[in-house]
Amino acid sequence: MSSGITAINEKVKQESVFVQDLTRQIESVIVGQKYLIERLLVGILANGHILLEGVPGLAKTLSVNVLAQAIDTKFQRIQFTPDLLPADLLGTLVYNPKDGTFSTKKGPIFSNIILADEINRAPAKVQSALLEAMQERQVTIGENTFKLDRPFMVLATQNPIEQEGTYPLPEAQMDRFMLKLKIDYPSKEEELQIIRRMAKTDKKIKVKPVIKPEAILKAREIVDEIYVDEKIEKYVLDIVFATREPANYNLEKLKELIQYGASPRASIYLIVAARAYAFIQGRGYVTPQDVKSVGMDVLRHRVIVSYEAEAEDKTSEDIIRNIFDEIEVP
């Protein structure tokens, strides 16, 4: 390991100490869900947004709320409904009849961590307003443009079982989310702990702030310094290009199963998320395993399957697993 990589490795070891404290604080409230907690940290450190999919009652809202309290940031939960308007989310201009002027009333989007609950229940106009804020990190109300506070992160939830009265997110909008997570039920042992901890009429949740938002912004600067070898970059490119041109990677059987492959945003997010994952592990360099660890979360909503795949009951996850199995690891 060269002196430069050794230096960044030592720096990451020192600066990532807060990750353990943060994880412990979240786990003092949330039982199990290690995968969810770890990916929430990847999202906040990589400056990305997350789409959560899971049945109700799996502590999605609670996890996000606890994370916000632990890093001492403002948290806002917005329930998306069919009658929601963009102004309900972003804010609006209020007319003052006394002096004939308009004043700006800011909406709930002006917070650090936003939980967009059941995002697919709101019409396309509202979804677009949120996604513009996610991409540009700013909101325009009337003639004025307002920068959003940093850190700014959107966590949107989708219910996978009840699809009546929903407006599914188009692929182009889903592409804005760095990660898509699938949350599963806890184990029997974990659910026993949940019962003992949460089966009370008065659920007092006490979360002690572990760090300040400034520490997250500082950590992001260090995440950007984490070393990515050229072999890792080529490995990422091979994975992404295999979703577009599977025949070039001896994956001819996948050609008929993929309608659209992953966009260039996937390549960018794979590197950034792998860096954040390496930071959480206390390492100053990215390994192929880091890419594999975050790969499914980055790619599952970016690979669009064909009708043939649906007929064969193949999902995007099956295709991505196949690609990871076949692409040579550096």
Protein backbone atom coordinates (compact mmCIF):
# COMPACT_ATOMS: atom_id res chain seq x y z
CA MET A 1 0.00 0.00 0.00
CA SER A 2 1.47 3.36 -1.05
CA SER A 3 2.04 6.17 1.45
CA GLY A 4 -0.94 8.15 0.06
CA ILE A 5 -3.36 5.25 0.55
CA THR A 6 -1.89 4.54 4.00
CA ALA A 7 -2.48 8.17 5.00
CA ILE A 8 -6.13 8.19 3.88
CA ASN A 9 -6.62 4.79 5.55
CA GLU A 10 -5.42 6.19 8.88
CA LYS A 11 -7.53 9.31 8.40
CA VAL A 12 -10.66 7.25 7.75
CA LYS A 13 -9.98 5.05 10.80
CA GLN A 14 -9.82 8.16 13.01
CA GLU A 15 -12.74 10.04 11.44
CA SER A 16 -15.14 7.08 11.19
CA VAL A 17 -15.19 6.37 14.93
CA PHE A 18 -18.55 8.17 15.24
CA VAL A 19 -20.16 5.54 12.96
CA GLN A 20 -20.05 2.93 15.75
CA ASP A 21 -21.52 5.39 18.28
CA LEU A 22 -24.23 6.36 15.81
CA THR A 23 -25.08 2.73 15.04
CA ARG A 24 -25.23 1.86 18.74
CA GLN A 25 -27.55 4.79 19.44
CA ILE A 26 -29.93 3.78 16.62
CA GLU A 27 -29.84 0.12 17.71
CA SER A 28 -30.80 1.17 21.26
CA VAL A 29 -34.26 1.86 19.77
CA ILE A 30 -34.43 -0.27 16.61
CA VAL A 31 -34.22 -4.04 17.04
CA GLY A 32 -32.55 -5.89 14.16
CA GLN A 33 -32.79 -4.15 10.75
CA LYS A 34 -28.97 -3.96 10.56
CA TYR A 35 -29.18 -3.87 6.78
CA LEU A 36 -31.55 -0.87 6.88
CA ILE A 37 -29.44 1.02 9.45
CA GLU A 38 -26.23 0.42 7.50
CA ARG A 39 -27.80 1.59 4.22
CA LEU A 40 -29.25 4.70 5.89
CA LEU A 41 -25.70 5.59 6.91
CA VAL A 42 -24.44 4.89 3.37
CA GLY A 43 -27.14 7.22 2.01
CA ILE A 44 -26.40 10.10 4.39
CA LEU A 45 -22.62 9.80 3.89
CA ALA A 46 -22.89 9.47 0.10
CA ASN A 47 -25.30 12.43 -0.19
CA GLY A 48 -27.88 10.19 -1.85
CA HIS A 49 -31.61 9.56 -1.52
CA ILE A 50 -33.21 6.23 -0.64
CA LEU A 51 -36.38 4.46 -1.74
CA LEU A 52 -37.68 2.00 0.87
CA GLU A 53 -40.03 -0.82 -0.03
CA GLY A 54 -41.63 -2.96 2.61
CA VAL A 55 -44.93 -3.85 4.21
CA PRO A 56 -46.25 -1.56 7.00
CA GLY A 57 -44.94 -1.99 10.53
CA LEU A 58 -41.27 -2.73 9.80
CA ALA A 59 -39.94 0.39 11.63
CA LYS A 60 -39.14 2.33 8.46
CA THR A 61 -40.50 5.64 9.79
CA LEU A 62 -39.07 5.02 13.25
CA SER A 63 -35.59 4.24 11.87
CA VAL A 64 -35.49 7.47 9.87
CA ASN A 65 -36.76 9.51 12.81
CA VAL A 66 -34.16 7.98 15.15
CA LEU A 67 -31.38 8.66 12.61
CA ALA A 68 -32.41 12.33 12.41
CA GLN A 69 -32.41 12.65 16.21
CA ALA A 70 -29.04 10.89 16.53
CA ILE A 71 -27.37 13.37 14.13
CA ASP A 72 -29.29 16.31 15.63
CA THR A 73 -31.02 17.36 12.41
CA LYS A 74 -34.53 18.50 11.52
CA PHE A 75 -36.86 15.68 10.51
CA GLN A 76 -40.14 15.98 8.62
CA ARG A 77 -42.57 13.19 7.77
CA ILE A 78 -44.89 13.96 4.87
CA GLN A 79 -47.84 11.65 4.19
CA PHE A 80 -48.37 11.53 0.43
CA THR A 81 -52.06 11.36 -0.54
CA PRO A 82 -53.95 11.67 -3.85
CA ASP A 83 -55.14 15.20 -2.98
CA LEU A 84 -51.65 16.53 -2.07
CA LEU A 85 -50.55 19.62 -4.03
CA PRO A 86 -46.98 20.76 -4.85
CA ALA A 87 -47.58 23.84 -2.66
CA ASP A 88 -48.33 21.55 0.33
CA LEU A 89 -44.82 20.21 -0.07
CA LEU A 90 -42.75 23.19 -1.22
CA GLY A 91 -44.62 26.15 0.23
CA THR A 92 -46.47 29.06 -1.35
CA LEU A 93 -46.84 32.85 -1.56
CA VAL A 94 -49.30 34.35 0.92
CA TYR A 95 -50.99 37.65 0.07
CA ASN A 96 -51.09 40.36 2.74
CA PRO A 97 -54.10 42.63 2.04
CA LYS A 98 -52.83 45.36 4.40
CA ASP A 99 -49.85 46.38 2.29
CA GLY A 100 -50.63 44.46 -0.91
CA THR A 101 -47.46 42.36 -0.77
CA PHE A 102 -46.75 38.64 -0.93
CA SER A 103 -44.73 36.79 1.69
CA THR A 104 -43.22 33.34 1.31
CA LYS A 105 -44.52 30.54 3.49
CA LYS A 106 -42.05 27.66 3.31
CA GLY A 107 -43.32 24.09 3.18
CA PRO A 108 -42.17 20.95 5.03
CA ILE A 109 -39.50 20.25 2.36
CA PHE A 110 -37.32 22.79 4.22
CA SER A 111 -35.85 20.27 6.61
CA ASN A 112 -32.75 18.04 6.68
CA ILE A 113 -34.25 14.57 6.52
CA ILE A 114 -37.56 14.11 4.72
CA LEU A 115 -39.63 10.96 4.95
CA ALA A 116 -41.97 10.86 1.94
CA ASP A 117 -44.43 8.25 3.20
CA GLU A 118 -46.12 6.26 0.41
CA ILE A 119 -44.71 8.46 -2.34
CA ASN A 120 -46.65 6.53 -5.00
CA ARG A 121 -50.00 7.68 -3.54
CA ALA A 122 -49.46 11.28 -4.73
CA PRO A 123 -50.01 12.42 -8.34
CA ALA A 124 -47.14 13.02 -10.77
CA LYS A 125 -47.02 16.81 -10.16
CA VAL A 126 -46.20 16.33 -6.48
CA GLN A 127 -43.69 13.58 -7.19
CA SER A 128 -41.96 15.82 -9.74
CA ALA A 129 -41.81 18.72 -7.25
CA LEU A 130 -40.10 16.48 -4.70
CA LEU A 131 -37.69 14.96 -7.22
CA GLU A 132 -36.67 18.42 -8.48
CA ALA A 133 -35.77 19.38 -4.91
CA MET A 134 -33.80 16.14 -4.60
CA GLN A 135 -31.80 16.76 -7.77
CA GLU A 136 -31.22 20.52 -7.58
CA ARG A 137 -31.12 20.81 -3.77
CA GLN A 138 -33.19 23.97 -4.14
CA VAL A 139 -36.84 25.06 -4.33
CA THR A 140 -38.41 27.88 -6.34
CA ILE A 141 -41.48 29.62 -4.87
CA GLY A 142 -42.78 32.43 -7.06
CA GLU A 143 -39.77 34.37 -8.29
CA ASN A 144 -37.48 33.38 -5.44
CA THR A 145 -35.19 30.35 -5.29
CA PHE A 146 -34.22 28.93 -1.90
CA LYS A 147 -31.30 26.60 -1.23
CA LEU A 148 -32.18 23.63 0.94
CA ASP A 149 -30.31 22.99 4.19
CA ARG A 150 -27.37 20.60 4.22
CA PRO A 151 -27.35 17.71 4.78
CA PHE A 152 -30.57 17.10 2.80
CA MET A 153 -31.81 13.57 2.27
CA VAL A 154 -35.13 12.15 1.08
CA LEU A 155 -36.29 8.71 2.14
CA ALA A 156 -39.40 7.67 0.26
CA THR A 157 -41.48 4.61 1.14
CA GLN A 158 -43.59 2.39 -1.09
CA ASN A 159 -46.03 -0.29 -0.02
CA PRO A 160 -45.47 -3.33 -2.28
CA ILE A 161 -48.80 -5.04 -1.61
CA GLU A 162 -51.57 -2.47 -1.98
CA GLN A 163 -51.44 -0.88 -5.43
CA GLU A 164 -54.99 0.48 -5.81
CA GLY A 165 -55.09 4.26 -6.17
CA THR A 166 -51.34 4.60 -6.66
CA TYR A 167 -49.28 6.48 -9.22
CA PRO A 168 -46.18 4.32 -9.76
CA LEU A 169 -42.92 6.25 -10.05
CA PRO A 170 -41.65 6.35 -13.65
CA GLU A 171 -38.23 4.78 -14.23
CA ALA A 172 -36.64 8.18 -14.94
CA GLN A 173 -37.77 9.43 -11.54
CA MET A 174 -36.77 6.26 -9.71
CA ASP A 175 -33.30 6.73 -11.21
CA ARG A 176 -32.87 9.78 -8.95
CA PHE A 177 -32.77 7.53 -5.89
CA MET A 178 -29.26 6.30 -5.13
CA LEU A 179 -30.49 3.17 -3.34
CA LYS A 180 -33.66 1.12 -3.37
CA LEU A 181 -33.96 -1.07 -0.28
CA LYS A 182 -36.27 -4.01 0.26
CA ILE A 183 -37.10 -4.37 3.94
CA ASP A 184 -38.11 -7.80 5.23
CA TYR A 185 -39.71 -9.14 8.39
CA PRO A 186 -37.58 -9.53 11.53
CA SER A 187 -36.56 -12.98 12.78
CA LYS A 188 -38.51 -14.68 15.57
CA GLU A 189 -35.82 -13.78 18.15
CA GLU A 190 -35.77 -10.14 16.99
CA GLU A 191 -39.56 -9.90 17.13
CA LEU A 192 -39.49 -11.20 20.70
CA GLN A 193 -37.14 -8.33 21.60
CA ILE A 194 -39.44 -5.90 19.77
CA ILE A 195 -42.43 -7.11 21.83
CA ARG A 196 -40.52 -6.70 25.10
CA ARG A 197 -39.28 -3.25 24.15
CA MET A 198 -42.29 -1.75 22.37
CA ALA A 199 -45.42 -3.49 23.75
CA LYS A 200 -46.30 -0.57 26.06
CA THR A 201 -49.08 2.00 26.07
CA ASP A 202 -46.56 4.83 26.43
CA LYS A 203 -43.65 4.34 24.05
CA LYS A 204 -41.10 6.92 25.15
CA ILE A 205 -38.29 6.98 22.64
CA LYS A 206 -35.18 8.68 23.95
CA VAL A 207 -32.39 9.23 21.46
CA LYS A 208 -29.27 11.11 22.46
CA PRO A 209 -27.68 13.20 19.68
CA VAL A 210 -24.31 11.59 18.91
CA ILE A 211 -22.94 14.05 16.35
CA LYS A 212 -23.83 17.36 14.70
CA PRO A 213 -24.79 17.79 11.03
CA GLU A 214 -21.42 19.49 10.42
CA ALA A 215 -19.69 16.18 11.23
CA ILE A 216 -21.66 14.48 8.43
CA LEU A 217 -20.59 17.18 5.96
CA LYS A 218 -16.97 16.78 7.07
CA ALA A 219 -17.23 12.98 6.75
CA ARG A 220 -18.51 13.38 3.18
CA GLU A 221 -15.33 15.25 2.26
CA ILE A 222 -13.28 12.31 3.56
CA VAL A 223 -15.54 9.82 1.72
CA ASP A 224 -14.61 11.64 -1.52
CA GLU A 225 -10.90 11.06 -0.74
CA ILE A 226 -11.26 7.27 -0.35
CA TYR A 227 -9.05 5.53 -2.90
CA VAL A 228 -10.67 3.68 -5.80
CA ASP A 229 -8.24 1.66 -7.90
CA GLU A 230 -8.54 1.69 -11.70
CA LYS A 231 -9.33 -2.04 -11.59
CA ILE A 232 -12.33 -1.33 -9.36
CA GLU A 233 -13.51 1.42 -11.74
CA LYS A 234 -13.30 -1.02 -14.67
CA TYR A 235 -15.12 -3.66 -12.60
CA VAL A 236 -17.98 -1.20 -12.01
CA LEU A 237 -18.08 -0.34 -15.71
CA ASP A 238 -18.18 -4.03 -16.65
CA ILE A 239 -21.14 -4.60 -14.30
CA VAL A 240 -23.10 -1.60 -15.64
CA PHE A 241 -22.30 -2.32 -19.30
CA ALA A 242 -23.30 -5.96 -18.80
CA THR A 243 -26.83 -4.70 -18.05
CA ARG A 244 -26.84 -2.88 -21.43
CA GLU A 245 -24.84 -5.24 -23.65
CA PRO A 246 -24.98 -8.67 -21.97
CA ALA A 247 -23.87 -10.48 -25.15
CA ASN A 248 -20.44 -8.78 -24.91
CA TYR A 249 -19.91 -10.45 -21.52
CA ASN A 250 -20.94 -14.00 -22.50
CA LEU A 251 -24.41 -13.40 -21.05
CA GLU A 252 -26.41 -13.90 -24.26
CA LYS A 253 -29.26 -15.52 -22.30
CA LEU A 254 -29.90 -12.17 -20.52
CA LYS A 255 -30.30 -10.20 -23.76
CA GLU A 256 -33.98 -11.10 -24.13
CA LEU A 257 -34.66 -10.53 -20.43
CA ILE A 258 -33.46 -6.90 -20.18
CA GLN A 259 -35.52 -4.13 -21.71
CA TYR A 260 -33.33 -1.26 -20.48
CA GLY A 261 -29.96 -1.41 -18.74
CA ALA A 262 -28.61 0.82 -15.99
CA SER A 263 -27.88 4.49 -16.74
CA PRO A 264 -24.50 6.27 -16.25
CA ARG A 265 -25.92 7.44 -12.93
CA ALA A 266 -25.60 3.81 -11.80
CA SER A 267 -21.83 3.85 -12.42
CA ILE A 268 -21.45 7.09 -10.44
CA TYR A 269 -23.62 5.88 -7.56
CA LEU A 270 -21.86 2.50 -7.39
CA ILE A 271 -18.53 4.23 -6.82
CA VAL A 272 -19.90 6.82 -4.35
CA ALA A 273 -21.91 4.25 -2.37
CA ALA A 274 -18.95 1.83 -2.29
CA ARG A 275 -16.77 4.65 -0.91
CA ALA A 276 -19.34 5.40 1.80
CA TYR A 277 -19.58 1.69 2.62
CA ALA A 278 -15.77 1.48 2.91
CA PHE A 279 -15.86 4.52 5.25
CA ILE A 280 -18.39 2.75 7.50
CA GLN A 281 -16.02 -0.24 7.63
CA GLY A 282 -13.18 2.15 8.63
CA ARG A 283 -11.20 1.65 5.41
CA GLY A 284 -9.55 4.23 3.16
CA TYR A 285 -9.86 2.18 -0.03
CA VAL A 286 -12.64 0.39 -1.92
CA THR A 287 -12.63 -3.39 -2.42
CA PRO A 288 -14.67 -5.45 -4.94
CA GLN A 289 -16.71 -6.71 -1.97
CA ASP A 290 -17.78 -3.13 -1.19
CA VAL A 291 -19.12 -2.83 -4.74
CA LYS A 292 -20.92 -6.18 -4.37
CA SER A 293 -22.38 -5.17 -1.00
CA VAL A 294 -24.09 -2.03 -2.35
CA GLY A 295 -24.50 -3.27 -5.93
CA MET A 296 -27.97 -4.77 -5.60
CA ASP A 297 -29.34 -1.67 -3.83
CA VAL A 298 -27.95 0.64 -6.53
CA LEU A 299 -29.04 -1.47 -9.51
CA ARG A 300 -32.33 -3.22 -8.63
CA HIS A 301 -34.50 -0.24 -9.72
CA ARG A 302 -32.34 0.65 -12.73
CA VAL A 303 -32.51 -2.60 -14.66
CA ILE A 304 -35.90 -2.81 -16.39
CA VAL A 305 -36.94 -6.35 -17.28
CA SER A 306 -38.68 -7.33 -20.52
CA TYR A 307 -42.01 -9.13 -20.99
CA GLU A 308 -40.03 -12.31 -21.63
CA ALA A 309 -38.45 -12.00 -18.17
CA GLU A 310 -41.87 -11.49 -16.57
CA ALA A 311 -43.18 -14.54 -18.43
CA GLU A 312 -40.27 -16.57 -17.02
CA ASP A 313 -40.87 -15.05 -13.56
CA LYS A 314 -37.42 -13.43 -13.58
CA THR A 315 -36.88 -10.22 -11.61
CA SER A 316 -34.23 -7.52 -11.99
CA GLU A 317 -32.60 -8.97 -8.86
CA ASP A 318 -32.21 -12.37 -10.53
CA ILE A 319 -30.54 -10.71 -13.53
CA ILE A 320 -28.20 -8.60 -11.37
CA ARG A 321 -27.16 -11.65 -9.33
CA ASN A 322 -26.38 -13.46 -12.57
CA ILE A 323 -24.23 -10.54 -13.74
CA PHE A 324 -22.30 -10.37 -10.45
CA ASP A 325 -21.71 -14.14 -10.64
CA GLU A 326 -20.34 -13.96 -14.19
CA ILE A 327 -18.30 -10.73 -14.25
CA GLU A 328 -14.68 -11.39 -13.30
CA VAL A 329 -13.69 -9.89 -9.97
CA PRO A 330 -10.36 -7.95 -10.03
